[in-house]
Amino acid sequence: MEISVIQIGNSKGIRFSKTIMERYNIKDKVFLILEKGQIIIKPLSKPRKGWESAFKEMSENGDDRLLFNDVFEDENWEAWD
């Protein structure tokens, strides 16, 4: 795909269509890779975005309990001495 380089103040830039932005899930930032004469632009994803609020809500609802004990009755702690 050929696109034009445009003037943006004292800099230059490229402009992506809305379709490309949506198709590749590009939001506010991208990851730029300079490699072997190529420029690779990748969407910047934050897979853990929102986890803090989700964990807080879980705690408030009492949903953050262990599903099974972290220490089992038959564990041999003497082996670790």
PDB file of N, CA and C in Angstrom:
ATOM      1  N   MET A   1       0.848  -1.168   0.000  1.00  0.00           N
ATOM      2  CA  MET A   1       0.000   0.000   0.000  1.00  0.00           C
ATOM      3  C   MET A   1       0.897   1.235   0.000  1.00  0.00           C
ATOM      4  N   GLU A   2       0.615   2.161  -0.826  1.00  0.00           N
ATOM      5  CA  GLU A   2       1.384   3.401  -0.903  1.00  0.00           C
ATOM      6  C   GLU A   2       0.598   4.515  -0.221  1.00  0.00           C
ATOM      7  N   ILE A   3       1.274   5.207   0.709  1.00  0.00           N
ATOM      8  CA  ILE A   3       0.652   6.366   1.363  1.00  0.00           C
ATOM      9  C   ILE A   3       1.632   7.521   1.340  1.00  0.00           C
ATOM     10  N   SER A   4       1.120   8.726   1.462  1.00  0.00           N
ATOM     11  CA  SER A   4       1.955   9.923   1.399  1.00  0.00           C
ATOM     12  C   SER A   4       2.506  10.286   2.772  1.00  0.00           C
ATOM     13  N   VAL A   5       3.691  10.868   2.764  1.00  0.00           N
ATOM     14  CA  VAL A   5       4.282  11.443   3.968  1.00  0.00           C
ATOM     15  C   VAL A   5       3.816  12.896   3.995  1.00  0.00           C
ATOM     16  N   ILE A   6       3.252  13.331   5.127  1.00  0.00           N
ATOM     17  CA  ILE A   6       2.683  14.670   5.214  1.00  0.00           C
ATOM     18  C   ILE A   6       3.466  15.527   6.205  1.00  0.00           C
ATOM     19  N   GLN A   7       3.347  16.835   6.056  1.00  0.00           N
ATOM     20  CA  GLN A   7       3.969  17.791   6.964  1.00  0.00           C
ATOM     21  C   GLN A   7       3.091  17.928   8.205  1.00  0.00           C
ATOM     22  N   ILE A   8       3.703  17.816   9.386  1.00  0.00           N
ATOM     23  CA  ILE A   8       3.011  18.006  10.662  1.00  0.00           C
ATOM     24  C   ILE A   8       3.883  18.954  11.480  1.00  0.00           C
ATOM     25  N   GLY A   9       3.596  20.231  11.426  1.00  0.00           N
ATOM     26  CA  GLY A   9       4.439  21.222  12.095  1.00  0.00           C
ATOM     27  C   GLY A   9       5.825  21.198  11.487  1.00  0.00           C
ATOM     28  N   ASN A  10       6.860  21.043  12.317  1.00  0.00           N
ATOM     29  CA  ASN A  10       8.237  20.950  11.840  1.00  0.00           C
ATOM     30  C   ASN A  10       8.639  19.512  11.526  1.00  0.00           C
ATOM     31  N   SER A  11       7.719  18.585  11.695  1.00  0.00           N
ATOM     32  CA  SER A  11       8.002  17.163  11.489  1.00  0.00           C
ATOM     33  C   SER A  11       7.248  16.643  10.275  1.00  0.00           C
ATOM     34  N   LYS A  12       7.441  15.395   9.985  1.00  0.00           N
ATOM     35  CA  LYS A  12       6.694  14.715   8.930  1.00  0.00           C
ATOM     36  C   LYS A  12       6.025  13.500   9.553  1.00  0.00           C
ATOM     37  N   GLY A  13       4.958  13.049   8.928  1.00  0.00           N
ATOM     38  CA  GLY A  13       4.250  11.903   9.478  1.00  0.00           C
ATOM     39  C   GLY A  13       3.474  11.180   8.397  1.00  0.00           C
ATOM     40  N   ILE A  14       2.871  10.092   8.803  1.00  0.00           N
ATOM     41  CA  ILE A  14       1.991   9.355   7.901  1.00  0.00           C
ATOM     42  C   ILE A  14       0.616   9.293   8.564  1.00  0.00           C
ATOM     43  N   ARG A  15      -0.396   9.209   7.744  1.00  0.00           N
ATOM     44  CA  ARG A  15      -1.768   9.214   8.252  1.00  0.00           C
ATOM     45  C   ARG A  15      -2.423   7.893   7.847  1.00  0.00           C
ATOM     46  N   PHE A  16      -3.039   7.226   8.820  1.00  0.00           N
ATOM     47  CA  PHE A  16      -3.739   5.974   8.553  1.00  0.00           C
ATOM     48  C   PHE A  16      -5.232   6.234   8.458  1.00  0.00           C
ATOM     49  N   SER A  17      -5.894   5.510   7.597  1.00  0.00           N
ATOM     50  CA  SER A  17      -7.345   5.636   7.477  1.00  0.00           C
ATOM     51  C   SER A  17      -8.017   5.028   8.708  1.00  0.00           C
ATOM     52  N   LYS A  18      -9.257   5.404   8.920  1.00  0.00           N
ATOM     53  CA  LYS A  18     -10.035   4.868  10.031  1.00  0.00           C
ATOM     54  C   LYS A  18     -10.150   3.350   9.914  1.00  0.00           C
ATOM     55  N   THR A  19     -10.284   2.866   8.687  1.00  0.00           N
ATOM     56  CA  THR A  19     -10.410   1.422   8.449  1.00  0.00           C
ATOM     57  C   THR A  19      -9.179   0.679   8.939  1.00  0.00           C
ATOM     58  N   ILE A  20      -8.001   1.194   8.615  1.00  0.00           N
ATOM     59  CA  ILE A  20      -6.753   0.555   9.062  1.00  0.00           C
ATOM     60  C   ILE A  20      -6.640   0.618  10.577  1.00  0.00           C
ATOM     61  N   MET A  21      -6.979   1.764  11.152  1.00  0.00           N
ATOM     62  CA  MET A  21      -6.895   1.919  12.608  1.00  0.00           C
ATOM     63  C   MET A  21      -7.791   0.897  13.321  1.00  0.00           C
ATOM     64  N   GLU A  22      -8.981   0.707  12.804  1.00  0.00           N
ATOM     65  CA  GLU A  22      -9.903  -0.245  13.427  1.00  0.00           C
ATOM     66  C   GLU A  22      -9.490  -1.684  13.176  1.00  0.00           C
ATOM     67  N   ARG A  23      -9.082  -1.982  11.935  1.00  0.00           N
ATOM     68  CA  ARG A  23      -8.717  -3.357  11.587  1.00  0.00           C
ATOM     69  C   ARG A  23      -7.548  -3.875  12.408  1.00  0.00           C
ATOM     70  N   TYR A  24      -6.552  -3.005  12.663  1.00  0.00           N
ATOM     71  CA  TYR A  24      -5.362  -3.430  13.398  1.00  0.00           C
ATOM     72  C   TYR A  24      -5.387  -2.990  14.851  1.00  0.00           C
ATOM     73  N   ASN A  25      -6.543  -2.525  15.306  1.00  0.00           N
ATOM     74  CA  ASN A  25      -6.738  -2.153  16.706  1.00  0.00           C
ATOM     75  C   ASN A  25      -5.684  -1.151  17.188  1.00  0.00           C
ATOM     76  N   ILE A  26      -5.444  -0.131  16.401  1.00  0.00           N
ATOM     77  CA  ILE A  26      -4.499   0.919  16.766  1.00  0.00           C
ATOM     78  C   ILE A  26      -5.262   2.000  17.505  1.00  0.00           C
ATOM     79  N   LYS A  27      -4.815   2.315  18.718  1.00  0.00           N
ATOM     80  CA  LYS A  27      -5.485   3.328  19.544  1.00  0.00           C
ATOM     81  C   LYS A  27      -4.644   4.603  19.543  1.00  0.00           C
ATOM     82  N   ASP A  28      -3.989   4.905  20.650  1.00  0.00           N
ATOM     83  CA  ASP A  28      -3.235   6.145  20.790  1.00  0.00           C
ATOM     84  C   ASP A  28      -1.746   5.992  20.517  1.00  0.00           C
ATOM     85  N   LYS A  29      -1.208   4.792  20.688  1.00  0.00           N
ATOM     86  CA  LYS A  29       0.226   4.579  20.538  1.00  0.00           C
ATOM     87  C   LYS A  29       0.500   3.334  19.710  1.00  0.00           C
ATOM     88  N   VAL A  30       1.674   3.312  19.064  1.00  0.00           N
ATOM     89  CA  VAL A  30       2.134   2.144  18.321  1.00  0.00           C
ATOM     90  C   VAL A  30       3.558   1.833  18.746  1.00  0.00           C
ATOM     91  N   PHE A  31       4.003   0.634  18.443  1.00  0.00           N
ATOM     92  CA  PHE A  31       5.369   0.206  18.706  1.00  0.00           C
ATOM     93  C   PHE A  31       6.108   0.244  17.372  1.00  0.00           C
ATOM     94  N   LEU A  32       7.214   0.957  17.307  1.00  0.00           N
ATOM     95  CA  LEU A  32       7.974   1.135  16.083  1.00  0.00           C
ATOM     96  C   LEU A  32       9.227   0.273  16.129  1.00  0.00           C
ATOM     97  N   ILE A  33       9.416  -0.567  15.112  1.00  0.00           N
ATOM     98  CA  ILE A  33      10.586  -1.441  15.020  1.00  0.00           C
ATOM     99  C   ILE A  33      11.366  -1.052  13.776  1.00  0.00           C
ATOM    100  N   LEU A  34      12.641  -0.727  13.951  1.00  0.00           N
ATOM    101  CA  LEU A  34      13.524  -0.408  12.831  1.00  0.00           C
ATOM    102  C   LEU A  34      14.416  -1.618  12.606  1.00  0.00           C
ATOM    103  N   GLU A  35      14.235  -2.280  11.468  1.00  0.00           N
ATOM    104  CA  GLU A  35      14.893  -3.560  11.259  1.00  0.00           C
ATOM    105  C   GLU A  35      15.264  -3.753   9.792  1.00  0.00           C
ATOM    106  N   LYS A  36      16.543  -3.933   9.520  1.00  0.00           N
ATOM    107  CA  LYS A  36      17.035  -4.294   8.184  1.00  0.00           C
ATOM    108  C   LYS A  36      16.407  -3.462   7.064  1.00  0.00           C
ATOM    109  N   GLY A  37      16.474  -2.153   7.194  1.00  0.00           N
ATOM    110  CA  GLY A  37      15.948  -1.284   6.153  1.00  0.00           C
ATOM    111  C   GLY A  37      14.437  -1.183   6.109  1.00  0.00           C
ATOM    112  N   GLN A  38      13.768  -1.670   7.133  1.00  0.00           N
ATOM    113  CA  GLN A  38      12.308  -1.621   7.182  1.00  0.00           C
ATOM    114  C   GLN A  38      11.857  -0.901   8.444  1.00  0.00           C
ATOM    115  N   ILE A  39      10.698  -0.311   8.364  1.00  0.00           N
ATOM    116  CA  ILE A  39      10.036   0.259   9.533  1.00  0.00           C
ATOM    117  C   ILE A  39       8.766  -0.556   9.744  1.00  0.00           C
ATOM    118  N   ILE A  40       8.681  -1.179  10.897  1.00  0.00           N
ATOM    119  CA  ILE A  40       7.509  -2.003  11.221  1.00  0.00           C
ATOM    120  C   ILE A  40       6.723  -1.278  12.301  1.00  0.00           C
ATOM    121  N   ILE A  41       5.446  -1.090  12.051  1.00  0.00           N
ATOM    122  CA  ILE A  41       4.566  -0.428  13.009  1.00  0.00           C
ATOM    123  C   ILE A  41       3.592  -1.470  13.544  1.00  0.00           C
ATOM    124  N   LYS A  42       3.621  -1.668  14.871  1.00  0.00           N
ATOM    125  CA  LYS A  42       2.730  -2.645  15.488  1.00  0.00           C
ATOM    126  C   LYS A  42       1.837  -1.948  16.501  1.00  0.00           C
ATOM    127  N   PRO A  43       0.591  -2.387  16.607  1.00  0.00           N
ATOM    128  CA  PRO A  43      -0.284  -1.821  17.645  1.00  0.00           C
ATOM    129  C   PRO A  43       0.327  -2.067  19.017  1.00  0.00           C
ATOM    130  N   LEU A  44       0.215  -1.095  19.884  1.00  0.00           N
ATOM    131  CA  LEU A  44       0.716  -1.240  21.245  1.00  0.00           C
ATOM    132  C   LEU A  44      -0.436  -1.756  22.092  1.00  0.00           C
ATOM    133  N   SER A  45      -0.296  -2.977  22.573  1.00  0.00           N
ATOM    134  CA  SER A  45      -1.375  -3.559  23.369  1.00  0.00           C
ATOM    135  C   SER A  45      -0.972  -3.605  24.828  1.00  0.00           C
ATOM    136  N   LYS A  46      -1.938  -3.457  25.668  1.00  0.00           N
ATOM    137  CA  LYS A  46      -1.731  -3.548  27.110  1.00  0.00           C
ATOM    138  C   LYS A  46      -2.677  -4.623  27.621  1.00  0.00           C
ATOM    139  N   PRO A  47      -2.235  -5.877  27.569  1.00  0.00           N
ATOM    140  CA  PRO A  47      -3.139  -6.981  27.913  1.00  0.00           C
ATOM    141  C   PRO A  47      -3.655  -6.947  29.348  1.00  0.00           C
ATOM    142  N   ARG A  48      -2.947  -6.274  30.244  1.00  0.00           N
ATOM    143  CA  ARG A  48      -3.392  -6.245  31.639  1.00  0.00           C
ATOM    144  C   ARG A  48      -4.114  -4.941  31.992  1.00  0.00           C
ATOM    145  N   LYS A  49      -4.431  -4.144  30.978  1.00  0.00           N
ATOM    146  CA  LYS A  49      -5.133  -2.892  31.225  1.00  0.00           C
ATOM    147  C   LYS A  49      -6.487  -3.201  31.860  1.00  0.00           C
ATOM    148  N   GLY A  50      -6.796  -2.496  32.938  1.00  0.00           N
ATOM    149  CA  GLY A  50      -8.067  -2.688  33.623  1.00  0.00           C
ATOM    150  C   GLY A  50      -8.038  -3.734  34.716  1.00  0.00           C
ATOM    151  N   TRP A  51      -6.920  -4.448  34.853  1.00  0.00           N
ATOM    152  CA  TRP A  51      -6.849  -5.496  35.875  1.00  0.00           C
ATOM    153  C   TRP A  51      -6.980  -4.923  37.279  1.00  0.00           C
ATOM    154  N   GLU A  52      -6.367  -3.763  37.529  1.00  0.00           N
ATOM    155  CA  GLU A  52      -6.390  -3.194  38.872  1.00  0.00           C
ATOM    156  C   GLU A  52      -7.825  -2.944  39.331  1.00  0.00           C
ATOM    157  N   SER A  53      -8.618  -2.324  38.480  1.00  0.00           N
ATOM    158  CA  SER A  53     -10.016  -2.054  38.863  1.00  0.00           C
ATOM    159  C   SER A  53     -10.816  -3.352  38.966  1.00  0.00           C
ATOM    160  N   ALA A  54     -10.517  -4.322  38.103  1.00  0.00           N
ATOM    161  CA  ALA A  54     -11.224  -5.606  38.162  1.00  0.00           C
ATOM    162  C   ALA A  54     -10.903  -6.333  39.468  1.00  0.00           C
ATOM    163  N   PHE A  55      -9.629  -6.305  39.890  1.00  0.00           N
ATOM    164  CA  PHE A  55      -9.252  -6.953  41.150  1.00  0.00           C
ATOM    165  C   PHE A  55      -9.885  -6.237  42.343  1.00  0.00           C
ATOM    166  N   LYS A  56      -9.951  -4.917  42.270  1.00  0.00           N
ATOM    167  CA  LYS A  56     -10.576  -4.163  43.355  1.00  0.00           C
ATOM    168  C   LYS A  56     -12.048  -4.534  43.470  1.00  0.00           C
ATOM    169  N   GLU A  57     -12.729  -4.612  42.334  1.00  0.00           N
ATOM    170  CA  GLU A  57     -14.142  -4.998  42.331  1.00  0.00           C
ATOM    171  C   GLU A  57     -14.321  -6.418  42.859  1.00  0.00           C
ATOM    172  N   MET A  58     -13.424  -7.332  42.476  1.00  0.00           N
ATOM    173  CA  MET A  58     -13.491  -8.703  42.987  1.00  0.00           C
ATOM    174  C   MET A  58     -13.366  -8.721  44.510  1.00  0.00           C
ATOM    175  N   SER A  59     -12.437  -7.918  45.033  1.00  0.00           N
ATOM    176  CA  SER A  59     -12.226  -7.861  46.476  1.00  0.00           C
ATOM    177  C   SER A  59     -13.464  -7.328  47.185  1.00  0.00           C
ATOM    178  N   GLU A  60     -14.038  -6.265  46.618  1.00  0.00           N
ATOM    179  CA  GLU A  60     -15.237  -5.683  47.227  1.00  0.00           C
ATOM    180  C   GLU A  60     -16.414  -6.649  47.222  1.00  0.00           C
ATOM    181  N   ASN A  61     -16.484  -7.518  46.206  1.00  0.00           N
ATOM    182  CA  ASN A  61     -17.569  -8.495  46.097  1.00  0.00           C
ATOM    183  C   ASN A  61     -17.256  -9.810  46.811  1.00  0.00           C
ATOM    184  N   GLY A  62     -16.055  -9.929  47.361  1.00  0.00           N
ATOM    185  CA  GLY A  62     -15.666 -11.168  48.033  1.00  0.00           C
ATOM    186  C   GLY A  62     -15.339 -12.298  47.072  1.00  0.00           C
ATOM    187  N   ASP A  63     -15.051 -11.950  45.829  1.00  0.00           N
ATOM    188  CA  ASP A  63     -14.752 -12.961  44.813  1.00  0.00           C
ATOM    189  C   ASP A  63     -13.262 -13.268  44.686  1.00  0.00           C
ATOM    190  N   ASP A  64     -12.439 -12.765  45.582  1.00  0.00           N
ATOM    191  CA  ASP A  64     -11.001 -12.967  45.463  1.00  0.00           C
ATOM    192  C   ASP A  64     -10.472 -14.036  46.422  1.00  0.00           C
ATOM    193  N   ARG A  65     -11.328 -14.967  46.798  1.00  0.00           N
ATOM    194  CA  ARG A  65     -10.898 -16.034  47.698  1.00  0.00           C
ATOM    195  C   ARG A  65     -10.178 -17.134  46.906  1.00  0.00           C
ATOM    196  N   LEU A  66      -9.361 -17.900  47.599  1.00  0.00           N
ATOM    197  CA  LEU A  66      -8.657 -19.002  46.966  1.00  0.00           C
ATOM    198  C   LEU A  66      -9.642 -20.092  46.554  1.00  0.00           C
ATOM    199  N   LEU A  67      -9.419 -20.692  45.432  1.00  0.00           N
ATOM    200  CA  LEU A  67     -10.280 -21.787  44.982  1.00  0.00           C
ATOM    201  C   LEU A  67      -9.884 -23.103  45.635  1.00  0.00           C
ATOM    202  N   PHE A  68      -8.624 -23.191  46.058  1.00  0.00           N
ATOM    203  CA  PHE A  68      -8.165 -24.350  46.819  1.00  0.00           C
ATOM    204  C   PHE A  68      -7.071 -23.859  47.756  1.00  0.00           C
ATOM    205  N   ASN A  69      -6.845 -24.608  48.822  1.00  0.00           N
ATOM    206  CA  ASN A  69      -5.849 -24.210  49.815  1.00  0.00           C
ATOM    207  C   ASN A  69      -4.458 -24.140  49.196  1.00  0.00           C
ATOM    208  N   ASP A  70      -3.699 -23.143  49.619  1.00  0.00           N
ATOM    209  CA  ASP A  70      -2.342 -23.037  49.102  1.00  0.00           C
ATOM    210  C   ASP A  70      -1.374 -23.947  49.849  1.00  0.00           C
ATOM    211  N   VAL A  71      -1.800 -24.518  50.960  1.00  0.00           N
ATOM    212  CA  VAL A  71      -1.008 -25.490  51.704  1.00  0.00           C
ATOM    213  C   VAL A  71      -1.891 -26.722  51.899  1.00  0.00           C
ATOM    214  N   PHE A  72      -1.363 -27.866  51.528  1.00  0.00           N
ATOM    215  CA  PHE A  72      -2.134 -29.095  51.651  1.00  0.00           C
ATOM    216  C   PHE A  72      -1.784 -29.800  52.957  1.00  0.00           C
ATOM    217  N   GLU A  73      -2.749 -30.527  53.494  1.00  0.00           N
ATOM    218  CA  GLU A  73      -2.562 -31.197  54.777  1.00  0.00           C
ATOM    219  C   GLU A  73      -1.435 -32.222  54.748  1.00  0.00           C
ATOM    220  N   ASP A  74      -1.210 -32.854  53.602  1.00  0.00           N
ATOM    221  CA  ASP A  74      -0.208 -33.912  53.530  1.00  0.00           C
ATOM    222  C   ASP A  74       1.177 -33.416  53.074  1.00  0.00           C
ATOM    223  N   GLU A  75       1.391 -32.090  53.072  1.00  0.00           N
ATOM    224  CA  GLU A  75       2.699 -31.578  52.653  1.00  0.00           C
ATOM    225  C   GLU A  75       3.752 -31.892  53.722  1.00  0.00           C
ATOM    226  N   ASN A  76       4.931 -32.206  53.260  1.00  0.00           N
ATOM    227  CA  ASN A  76       6.041 -32.524  54.161  1.00  0.00           C
ATOM    228  C   ASN A  76       6.973 -31.327  54.228  1.00  0.00           C
ATOM    229  N   TRP A  77       6.817 -30.521  55.277  1.00  0.00           N
ATOM    230  CA  TRP A  77       7.625 -29.320  55.419  1.00  0.00           C
ATOM    231  C   TRP A  77       9.044 -29.634  55.884  1.00  0.00           C
ATOM    232  N   GLU A  78       9.266 -30.809  56.450  1.00  0.00           N
ATOM    233  CA  GLU A  78      10.596 -31.179  56.935  1.00  0.00           C
ATOM    234  C   GLU A  78      11.580 -31.293  55.788  1.00  0.00           C
ATOM    235  N   ALA A  79      11.114 -31.612  54.605  1.00  0.00           N
ATOM    236  CA  ALA A  79      11.992 -31.736  53.442  1.00  0.00           C
ATOM    237  C   ALA A  79      12.615 -30.403  53.085  1.00  0.00           C
ATOM    238  N   TRP A  80      12.037 -29.298  53.541  1.00  0.00           N
ATOM    239  CA  TRP A  80      12.533 -27.970  53.189  1.00  0.00           C
ATOM    240  C   TRP A  80      13.470 -27.412  54.252  1.00  0.00           C
ATOM    241  N   ASP A  81      13.650 -28.117  55.332  1.00  0.00           N
ATOM    242  CA  ASP A  81      14.537 -27.627  56.408  1.00  0.00           C
ATOM    243  C   ASP A  81      15.976 -27.761  56.040  1.00  0.00           C
TER     244      ASP A  81
END
